[in-house]
Amino acid sequence: MKRIKCIFTSAVSSIVTKASDGLTRIVEETKELSPQQARRGLFLFLKSVLKIIVKIFNYINNHKHRNMLVGSAILVTLFLISWNTELMPESNEPLIFDEDGNFVAAPPAPPSLIFPLGTDLGARSMVNLVLVGVKYTLGAILGITLARLLIGTLLALVTTLFYPSFKRYFTAFFWPFRYIPQLLVGIILMLPVAASPTGYSAIVILEYQLIIMLLIGLPSVYYYILDMMDEIEQQPYVLSSKLMGGSKFHTLKKHVWPNVQSHLLLLTTQQILTILQLLTFLGIFSLYLGGPHPTALTDSPRLIYRTITNELAGMAGQNFWLIRRAPWMAYSPILIIAFIAIIVNWMKKGIEDHLAGEFRQGIGLIRLTNRLSKWTLVYPEIFHL
């Protein structure tokens, strides 16, 4: 029980230490002041803190990607809490008692005030388990997303601007993957390695899985950037730049990259949601990151295979067989996965609204320019023509 109460201690210990040091310093400095000076100093301090908070809120509210800022802050906070949370050891005791020796529950314990999300078969709090698994899930998702965007964008830029002769080969190779589900390809390629213990180390299996998930999603990123660049190159201002002798690097820097850059944030959120969905379904099919970890279920020779990294999708998959006996064990990681998906989808919606607003402004500017052109022809004396 003592272990349960110390779940969040490691996550907030540094913050509490710094806060206590700051308060101690303030108390020592205010001992030499009169009560009136101390009250005035405290008022000025609170006023400055309030101004900083108001500035931060105004900055976020006026930012064009405020959904992205707030959502990223929530995910980073969740990752930091997970990074500072230590995994609780399993207990072989058949009953759970508190510090006073009072009976609490028998594992797996259902959700209660003491265990908000219940416990697993080893008397470990599900809150601790899902917090430990968040960093592996978010780390894998962000790593694969950044690798897909980097490699896919570079391939599209190089094959379009500098080596167009290679474009047809990449297009022919990636074309079938636009219609084959990523999950199907991932299951077929991971089954021989990650379905059961094969003798490979967890690091080798993890690297293999990350490479597979990178490659099966690369064609979608490549085609997204490629279609966007083809559309940009057909614009009149790009054609005019080429006719006036603009180099490929000039076209890339001044015309192509500014337009592609504005859509990379949207593509990032889309890829995060896609990889999160892929990881979740792979976990349901018992394909865990790092491979399976055989664990004795009872004293009998029967074994169960669990995720060695405790990432959320694998935790949901390994507990799926207990969904009738202890549904909280399967629903706890699914709840955190759904929360992450909602946050990322909210970020994606904010970026889509911003791009739609820019598009409407662009259409309005084009209409205004056309009207001015007509007016200059009808009333040339007004415009001094």
Protein backbone atom coordinates (compact mmCIF):
# COMPACT_ATOMS: atom_id res chain seq x y z
CA MET A 1 0.00 0.00 0.00
CA LYS A 2 2.92 2.27 0.69
CA ARG A 3 4.02 1.78 -2.89
CA ILE A 4 0.59 2.85 -4.15
CA LYS A 5 0.68 6.17 -2.34
CA CYS A 6 4.11 7.03 -3.80
CA ILE A 7 3.10 6.71 -7.46
CA PHE A 8 3.40 10.40 -8.27
CA THR A 9 6.23 11.17 -5.82
CA SER A 10 8.98 10.74 -8.38
CA ALA A 11 7.10 12.85 -10.92
CA VAL A 12 6.69 15.93 -8.70
CA SER A 13 9.65 15.60 -6.32
CA SER A 14 11.83 18.07 -8.20
CA ILE A 15 9.00 20.64 -8.42
CA VAL A 16 8.22 20.34 -4.72
CA THR A 17 11.89 20.68 -3.80
CA LYS A 18 12.33 23.84 -5.86
CA ALA A 19 9.11 25.32 -4.53
CA SER A 20 10.08 24.62 -0.92
CA ASP A 21 13.53 26.14 -1.46
CA GLY A 22 11.92 29.25 -2.93
CA LEU A 23 9.46 29.58 -0.06
CA THR A 24 12.25 29.12 2.49
CA ARG A 25 14.26 31.86 0.81
CA ILE A 26 11.24 34.18 0.81
CA VAL A 27 10.57 33.52 4.51
CA GLU A 28 14.21 34.22 5.43
CA GLU A 29 14.21 37.47 3.48
CA THR A 30 10.90 38.67 4.94
CA LYS A 31 11.95 38.09 8.57
CA GLU A 32 13.88 41.36 8.54
CA LEU A 33 10.94 43.32 7.07
CA SER A 34 8.05 44.92 8.84
CA PRO A 35 4.55 43.41 8.38
CA GLN A 36 3.53 46.30 6.13
CA GLN A 37 6.60 45.90 3.91
CA ALA A 38 6.08 42.14 3.77
CA ARG A 39 2.44 42.56 2.71
CA ARG A 40 3.41 45.09 0.06
CA GLY A 41 6.17 42.84 -1.26
CA LEU A 42 3.80 39.88 -1.39
CA PHE A 43 1.21 41.99 -3.23
CA LEU A 44 3.79 43.12 -5.81
CA PHE A 45 4.98 39.55 -6.27
CA LEU A 46 1.45 38.22 -6.84
CA LYS A 47 0.74 41.11 -9.19
CA SER A 48 3.81 40.33 -11.31
CA VAL A 49 2.90 36.63 -11.40
CA LEU A 50 -0.64 37.51 -12.49
CA LYS A 51 0.73 39.75 -15.26
CA ILE A 52 2.92 36.92 -16.52
CA ILE A 53 -0.03 34.52 -16.52
CA VAL A 54 -2.19 37.06 -18.40
CA LYS A 55 0.58 37.60 -20.98
CA ILE A 56 0.89 33.86 -21.52
CA PHE A 57 -2.87 33.46 -21.98
CA ASN A 58 -3.01 36.44 -24.37
CA TYR A 59 -0.10 35.05 -26.38
CA ILE A 60 -1.77 31.64 -26.67
CA ASN A 61 -5.18 33.15 -27.48
CA ASN A 62 -3.75 35.39 -30.23
CA HIS A 63 -1.49 32.73 -31.70
CA LYS A 64 -2.56 31.35 -35.05
CA HIS A 65 -1.87 27.77 -33.87
CA ARG A 66 -3.17 28.00 -30.31
CA ASN A 67 -4.69 24.52 -30.49
CA MET A 68 -1.27 23.20 -31.44
CA LEU A 69 0.41 25.02 -28.55
CA VAL A 70 -2.06 23.88 -25.89
CA GLY A 71 -2.23 20.31 -27.20
CA SER A 72 1.56 20.05 -27.40
CA ALA A 73 1.87 21.38 -23.85
CA ILE A 74 -0.57 18.72 -22.59
CA LEU A 75 1.27 15.91 -24.38
CA VAL A 76 4.69 17.15 -23.20
CA THR A 77 3.41 17.35 -19.62
CA LEU A 78 2.03 13.83 -19.88
CA PHE A 79 5.37 12.61 -21.26
CA LEU A 80 7.36 14.29 -18.46
CA ILE A 81 5.10 12.80 -15.80
CA SER A 82 5.56 9.39 -17.41
CA TRP A 83 9.33 9.88 -17.64
CA ASN A 84 9.57 10.50 -13.89
CA THR A 85 7.25 7.63 -12.90
CA GLU A 86 8.90 4.41 -11.82
CA LEU A 87 7.34 1.02 -12.48
CA MET A 88 5.98 -0.66 -9.36
CA PRO A 89 7.24 -4.20 -8.69
CA GLU A 90 4.79 -7.06 -8.80
CA SER A 91 3.57 -8.69 -5.61
CA ASN A 92 2.85 -12.38 -5.11
CA GLU A 93 0.65 -11.73 -2.10
CA PRO A 94 -2.94 -12.93 -2.63
CA LEU A 95 -4.43 -9.99 -0.67
CA ILE A 96 -3.72 -6.26 -0.44
CA PHE A 97 -3.49 -4.61 2.96
CA ASP A 98 -2.90 -0.99 3.89
CA GLU A 99 -0.25 0.29 6.31
CA ASP A 100 -2.51 -0.37 9.30
CA GLY A 101 -3.05 -3.98 8.31
CA ASN A 102 -6.61 -3.49 7.12
CA PHE A 103 -7.82 -5.56 4.18
CA VAL A 104 -8.21 -3.49 0.99
CA ALA A 105 -8.87 -5.86 -1.90
CA ALA A 106 -7.71 -8.98 -3.69
CA PRO A 107 -5.89 -8.51 -6.99
CA PRO A 108 -7.07 -7.70 -9.56
CA ALA A 109 -8.87 -5.06 -7.49
CA PRO A 110 -11.66 -3.02 -9.13
CA PRO A 111 -11.52 0.78 -9.32
CA SER A 112 -11.96 2.52 -5.97
CA LEU A 113 -10.84 5.64 -4.12
CA ILE A 114 -7.52 3.98 -3.32
CA PHE A 115 -7.06 2.53 -6.81
CA PRO A 116 -8.76 4.94 -9.28
CA LEU A 117 -8.25 2.58 -12.22
CA GLY A 118 -7.99 -0.67 -10.28
CA THR A 119 -5.01 -3.04 -10.12
CA ASP A 120 -3.59 -5.81 -12.25
CA LEU A 121 -2.97 -9.44 -11.30
CA GLY A 122 0.28 -8.44 -9.59
CA ALA A 123 -1.40 -5.88 -7.27
CA ARG A 124 0.08 -2.98 -9.24
CA SER A 125 -2.01 0.13 -9.68
CA MET A 126 -3.22 0.62 -13.24
CA VAL A 127 -2.55 4.34 -12.83
CA ASN A 128 1.13 3.56 -12.36
CA LEU A 129 1.17 1.14 -15.30
CA VAL A 130 -0.47 3.50 -17.79
CA LEU A 131 1.74 6.41 -16.68
CA VAL A 132 4.84 4.28 -17.20
CA GLY A 133 3.61 3.18 -20.63
CA VAL A 134 2.79 6.67 -21.93
CA LYS A 135 6.43 7.59 -22.59
CA TYR A 136 7.01 4.50 -24.74
CA THR A 137 3.83 5.07 -26.76
CA LEU A 138 4.42 8.80 -27.31
CA GLY A 139 8.12 8.27 -27.99
CA ALA A 140 7.49 5.62 -30.64
CA ILE A 141 4.73 7.66 -32.28
CA LEU A 142 6.72 10.90 -32.43
CA GLY A 143 9.88 9.13 -33.62
CA ILE A 144 8.10 7.32 -36.46
CA THR A 145 6.18 10.48 -37.42
CA LEU A 146 9.29 12.65 -37.65
CA ALA A 147 11.17 9.97 -39.62
CA ARG A 148 8.28 9.58 -42.09
CA LEU A 149 8.00 13.33 -42.61
CA LEU A 150 11.74 13.84 -43.03
CA ILE A 151 12.34 10.97 -45.46
CA GLY A 152 9.08 11.43 -47.40
CA THR A 153 9.57 15.18 -47.81
CA LEU A 154 13.20 14.81 -48.92
CA LEU A 155 12.29 12.08 -51.43
CA ALA A 156 9.50 14.20 -52.89
CA LEU A 157 11.70 17.32 -53.13
CA VAL A 158 14.64 15.48 -54.67
CA THR A 159 12.64 13.46 -57.20
CA THR A 160 10.58 16.46 -58.29
CA LEU A 161 13.13 19.26 -58.53
CA PHE A 162 16.58 17.71 -58.91
CA TYR A 163 16.19 14.15 -60.24
CA PRO A 164 12.83 13.94 -62.03
CA SER A 165 13.97 10.82 -63.92
CA PHE A 166 13.80 8.82 -60.67
CA LYS A 167 10.27 10.01 -59.97
CA ARG A 168 8.57 7.31 -62.02
CA TYR A 169 10.50 4.53 -60.26
CA PHE A 170 9.51 5.72 -56.78
CA THR A 171 5.95 6.28 -57.96
CA ALA A 172 5.72 2.77 -59.42
CA PHE A 173 7.18 1.20 -56.26
CA PHE A 174 4.97 3.14 -53.81
CA TRP A 175 1.78 2.92 -55.87
CA PRO A 176 0.50 -0.47 -54.53
CA PHE A 177 0.93 0.69 -50.93
CA ARG A 178 -1.70 3.38 -51.45
CA TYR A 179 -4.37 0.66 -51.56
CA ILE A 180 -2.95 -2.05 -49.26
CA PRO A 181 -3.88 -1.42 -45.60
CA GLN A 182 -0.89 -0.59 -43.43
CA LEU A 183 -2.15 -2.89 -40.68
CA LEU A 184 -2.20 -5.91 -43.00
CA VAL A 185 1.37 -5.30 -44.18
CA GLY A 186 2.54 -4.71 -40.62
CA ILE A 187 0.97 -7.94 -39.32
CA ILE A 188 2.44 -10.02 -42.15
CA LEU A 189 5.96 -8.64 -41.65
CA MET A 190 5.94 -8.67 -37.83
CA LEU A 191 4.37 -12.08 -37.20
CA PRO A 192 7.57 -14.12 -37.76
CA VAL A 193 9.55 -11.96 -35.32
CA ALA A 194 7.22 -10.46 -32.71
CA ALA A 195 4.38 -12.96 -32.33
CA SER A 196 6.27 -15.36 -30.03
CA PRO A 197 9.74 -15.59 -28.46
CA THR A 198 12.30 -16.22 -31.22
CA GLY A 199 15.59 -15.69 -29.43
CA TYR A 200 16.14 -12.16 -30.67
CA SER A 201 16.75 -9.43 -28.10
CA ALA A 202 14.05 -6.89 -27.36
CA ILE A 203 16.17 -4.08 -28.87
CA VAL A 204 16.52 -5.92 -32.20
CA ILE A 205 12.79 -6.66 -32.34
CA LEU A 206 11.95 -3.06 -31.44
CA GLU A 207 14.23 -1.66 -34.15
CA TYR A 208 12.74 -4.04 -36.71
CA GLN A 209 9.19 -3.02 -35.78
CA LEU A 210 9.99 0.69 -35.91
CA ILE A 211 11.56 0.30 -39.37
CA ILE A 212 8.52 -1.64 -40.62
CA MET A 213 6.09 1.00 -39.30
CA LEU A 214 8.24 3.70 -40.88
CA LEU A 215 8.32 2.07 -44.30
CA ILE A 216 4.65 1.09 -44.55
CA GLY A 217 3.58 4.70 -43.94
CA LEU A 218 6.22 6.35 -46.11
CA PRO A 219 4.28 6.09 -49.42
CA SER A 220 1.35 8.13 -48.08
CA VAL A 221 3.65 10.95 -46.96
CA TYR A 222 5.57 10.82 -50.24
CA TYR A 223 2.41 11.06 -52.35
CA TYR A 224 0.97 13.83 -50.17
CA ILE A 225 4.05 16.03 -50.64
CA LEU A 226 4.41 15.01 -54.28
CA ASP A 227 0.82 15.95 -55.20
CA MET A 228 1.20 19.25 -53.38
CA MET A 229 4.43 20.07 -55.21
CA ASP A 230 2.93 19.16 -58.59
CA GLU A 231 0.05 21.55 -57.87
CA ILE A 232 2.45 24.31 -56.79
CA GLU A 233 4.59 23.93 -59.91
CA GLN A 234 1.53 24.55 -62.08
CA GLN A 235 0.87 27.93 -60.50
CA PRO A 236 1.46 30.94 -62.80
CA TYR A 237 3.97 32.64 -60.49
CA VAL A 238 6.13 29.50 -60.40
CA LEU A 239 6.02 29.14 -64.19
CA SER A 240 6.90 32.81 -64.56
CA SER A 241 9.83 32.38 -62.19
CA LYS A 242 11.16 29.48 -64.26
CA LEU A 243 10.74 31.40 -67.53
CA MET A 244 12.67 34.34 -66.07
CA GLY A 245 15.63 32.08 -65.33
CA GLY A 246 14.96 31.13 -61.71
CA SER A 247 17.08 28.21 -60.53
CA LYS A 248 15.69 25.06 -58.94
CA PHE A 249 17.03 26.13 -55.56
CA HIS A 250 15.33 29.52 -55.95
CA THR A 251 12.06 27.80 -56.85
CA LEU A 252 12.39 25.51 -53.85
CA LYS A 253 13.23 28.29 -51.41
CA LYS A 254 10.82 31.01 -52.56
CA HIS A 255 7.81 29.13 -53.90
CA VAL A 256 7.70 25.42 -53.03
CA TRP A 257 8.91 25.28 -49.43
CA PRO A 258 6.70 28.12 -48.03
CA ASN A 259 3.59 26.37 -49.36
CA VAL A 260 4.68 22.89 -48.22
CA GLN A 261 5.70 24.19 -44.80
CA SER A 262 2.22 25.42 -44.01
CA HIS A 263 0.82 21.91 -44.49
CA LEU A 264 3.49 19.99 -42.56
CA LEU A 265 1.80 20.60 -39.21
CA LEU A 266 -1.45 19.18 -40.57
CA LEU A 267 0.43 16.19 -41.99
CA THR A 268 2.15 15.69 -38.62
CA THR A 269 -1.12 15.40 -36.72
CA GLN A 270 -2.55 13.09 -39.37
CA GLN A 271 0.47 10.79 -39.10
CA ILE A 272 0.31 10.76 -35.29
CA LEU A 273 -3.31 9.61 -35.42
CA THR A 274 -2.50 6.99 -38.07
CA ILE A 275 0.42 5.53 -36.11
CA LEU A 276 -1.57 5.56 -32.86
CA GLN A 277 -4.33 3.59 -34.57
CA LEU A 278 -1.78 1.19 -36.09
CA LEU A 279 -0.12 0.58 -32.71
CA THR A 280 -3.48 -0.04 -31.05
CA PHE A 281 -4.53 -2.69 -33.56
CA LEU A 282 -1.09 -4.33 -33.46
CA GLY A 283 -1.48 -4.57 -29.69
CA ILE A 284 -4.90 -6.22 -30.10
CA PHE A 285 -3.21 -8.81 -32.35
CA SER A 286 -0.58 -9.39 -29.60
CA LEU A 287 2.23 -7.78 -31.60
CA TYR A 288 3.87 -5.74 -28.85
CA LEU A 289 6.70 -3.23 -29.18
CA GLY A 290 9.87 -5.05 -28.20
CA GLY A 291 8.26 -8.46 -28.60
CA PRO A 292 6.42 -10.70 -26.11
CA HIS A 293 7.68 -11.42 -22.64
CA PRO A 294 6.68 -14.89 -21.34
CA THR A 295 5.39 -14.78 -17.76
CA ALA A 296 4.14 -17.60 -15.56
CA LEU A 297 0.44 -17.20 -14.88
CA THR A 298 0.32 -19.67 -11.97
CA ASP A 299 2.56 -22.33 -10.51
CA SER A 300 1.48 -24.59 -13.38
CA PRO A 301 3.47 -24.58 -16.65
CA ARG A 302 0.90 -22.28 -18.30
CA LEU A 303 2.44 -19.02 -19.56
CA ILE A 304 1.07 -15.73 -20.84
CA TYR A 305 2.90 -13.31 -23.13
CA ARG A 306 3.06 -9.68 -22.05
CA THR A 307 4.61 -6.55 -23.47
CA ILE A 308 8.13 -5.99 -22.23
CA THR A 309 7.92 -2.20 -22.60
CA ASN A 310 4.47 -1.72 -20.97
CA GLU A 311 3.40 0.60 -23.78
CA LEU A 312 -0.31 1.40 -23.87
CA ALA A 313 -1.36 -0.53 -26.98
CA GLY A 314 0.47 -3.67 -25.85
CA MET A 315 -1.01 -3.36 -22.38
CA ALA A 316 -4.51 -3.18 -23.85
CA GLY A 317 -3.81 -6.23 -26.02
CA GLN A 318 -2.29 -8.35 -23.27
CA ASN A 319 -5.24 -7.65 -20.96
CA PHE A 320 -7.89 -8.19 -23.61
CA TRP A 321 -8.43 -11.81 -22.50
CA LEU A 322 -9.41 -10.48 -19.04
CA ILE A 323 -12.04 -8.08 -20.36
CA ARG A 324 -14.86 -10.03 -18.65
CA ARG A 325 -13.12 -10.83 -15.40
CA ALA A 326 -11.32 -7.49 -14.93
CA PRO A 327 -12.44 -5.04 -17.66
CA TRP A 328 -10.58 -2.12 -16.05
CA MET A 329 -7.27 -3.77 -16.97
CA ALA A 330 -8.09 -3.46 -20.68
CA TYR A 331 -10.03 -0.22 -20.54
CA SER A 332 -7.42 1.78 -18.55
CA PRO A 333 -4.80 1.94 -21.36
CA ILE A 334 -7.56 2.34 -23.96
CA LEU A 335 -8.82 5.35 -21.99
CA ILE A 336 -5.39 7.05 -22.18
CA ILE A 337 -5.07 6.17 -25.88
CA ALA A 338 -8.47 7.77 -26.52
CA PHE A 339 -7.42 10.86 -24.54
CA ILE A 340 -4.26 11.24 -26.66
CA ALA A 341 -6.28 10.75 -29.85
CA ILE A 342 -8.80 13.43 -28.80
CA ILE A 343 -6.01 15.92 -28.03
CA VAL A 344 -4.25 15.30 -31.36
CA ASN A 345 -7.53 15.47 -33.29
CA TRP A 346 -8.30 18.79 -31.57
CA MET A 347 -4.88 20.06 -32.69
CA LYS A 348 -5.60 18.84 -36.22
CA LYS A 349 -8.97 20.63 -36.26
CA GLY A 350 -7.32 23.92 -35.26
CA ILE A 351 -4.75 23.63 -38.08
CA GLU A 352 -7.48 22.81 -40.61
CA ASP A 353 -9.48 25.88 -39.52
CA HIS A 354 -6.38 28.06 -39.87
CA LEU A 355 -5.61 26.75 -43.37
CA ALA A 356 -9.26 27.17 -44.37
CA GLY A 357 -9.14 30.78 -43.14
CA GLU A 358 -6.01 31.45 -45.18
CA PHE A 359 -7.70 29.91 -48.22
CA ARG A 360 -10.77 32.12 -47.79
CA GLN A 361 -8.54 35.17 -47.42
CA GLY A 362 -6.68 34.18 -50.59
CA ILE A 363 -9.94 33.80 -52.52
CA GLY A 364 -11.11 37.19 -51.25
CA LEU A 365 -7.82 38.80 -52.31
CA ILE A 366 -8.11 37.30 -55.80
CA ARG A 367 -11.67 38.59 -56.16
CA LEU A 368 -10.62 42.05 -54.99
CA THR A 369 -7.75 42.07 -57.49
CA ASN A 370 -10.09 41.08 -60.34
CA ARG A 371 -12.53 43.84 -59.38
CA LEU A 372 -9.75 46.43 -59.30
CA SER A 373 -8.59 45.27 -62.73
CA LYS A 374 -12.11 45.72 -64.14
CA TRP A 375 -12.45 49.14 -62.52
CA THR A 376 -9.15 50.32 -64.02
CA LEU A 377 -10.46 49.45 -67.46
CA VAL A 378 -13.86 51.09 -66.96
CA TYR A 379 -12.65 54.18 -65.05
CA PRO A 380 -9.05 54.80 -66.17
CA GLU A 381 -9.19 58.49 -65.16
CA ILE A 382 -9.80 57.56 -61.51
CA PHE A 383 -6.70 55.34 -61.37
CA HIS A 384 -4.58 57.81 -63.43
CA LEU A 385 -4.10 55.40 -66.31
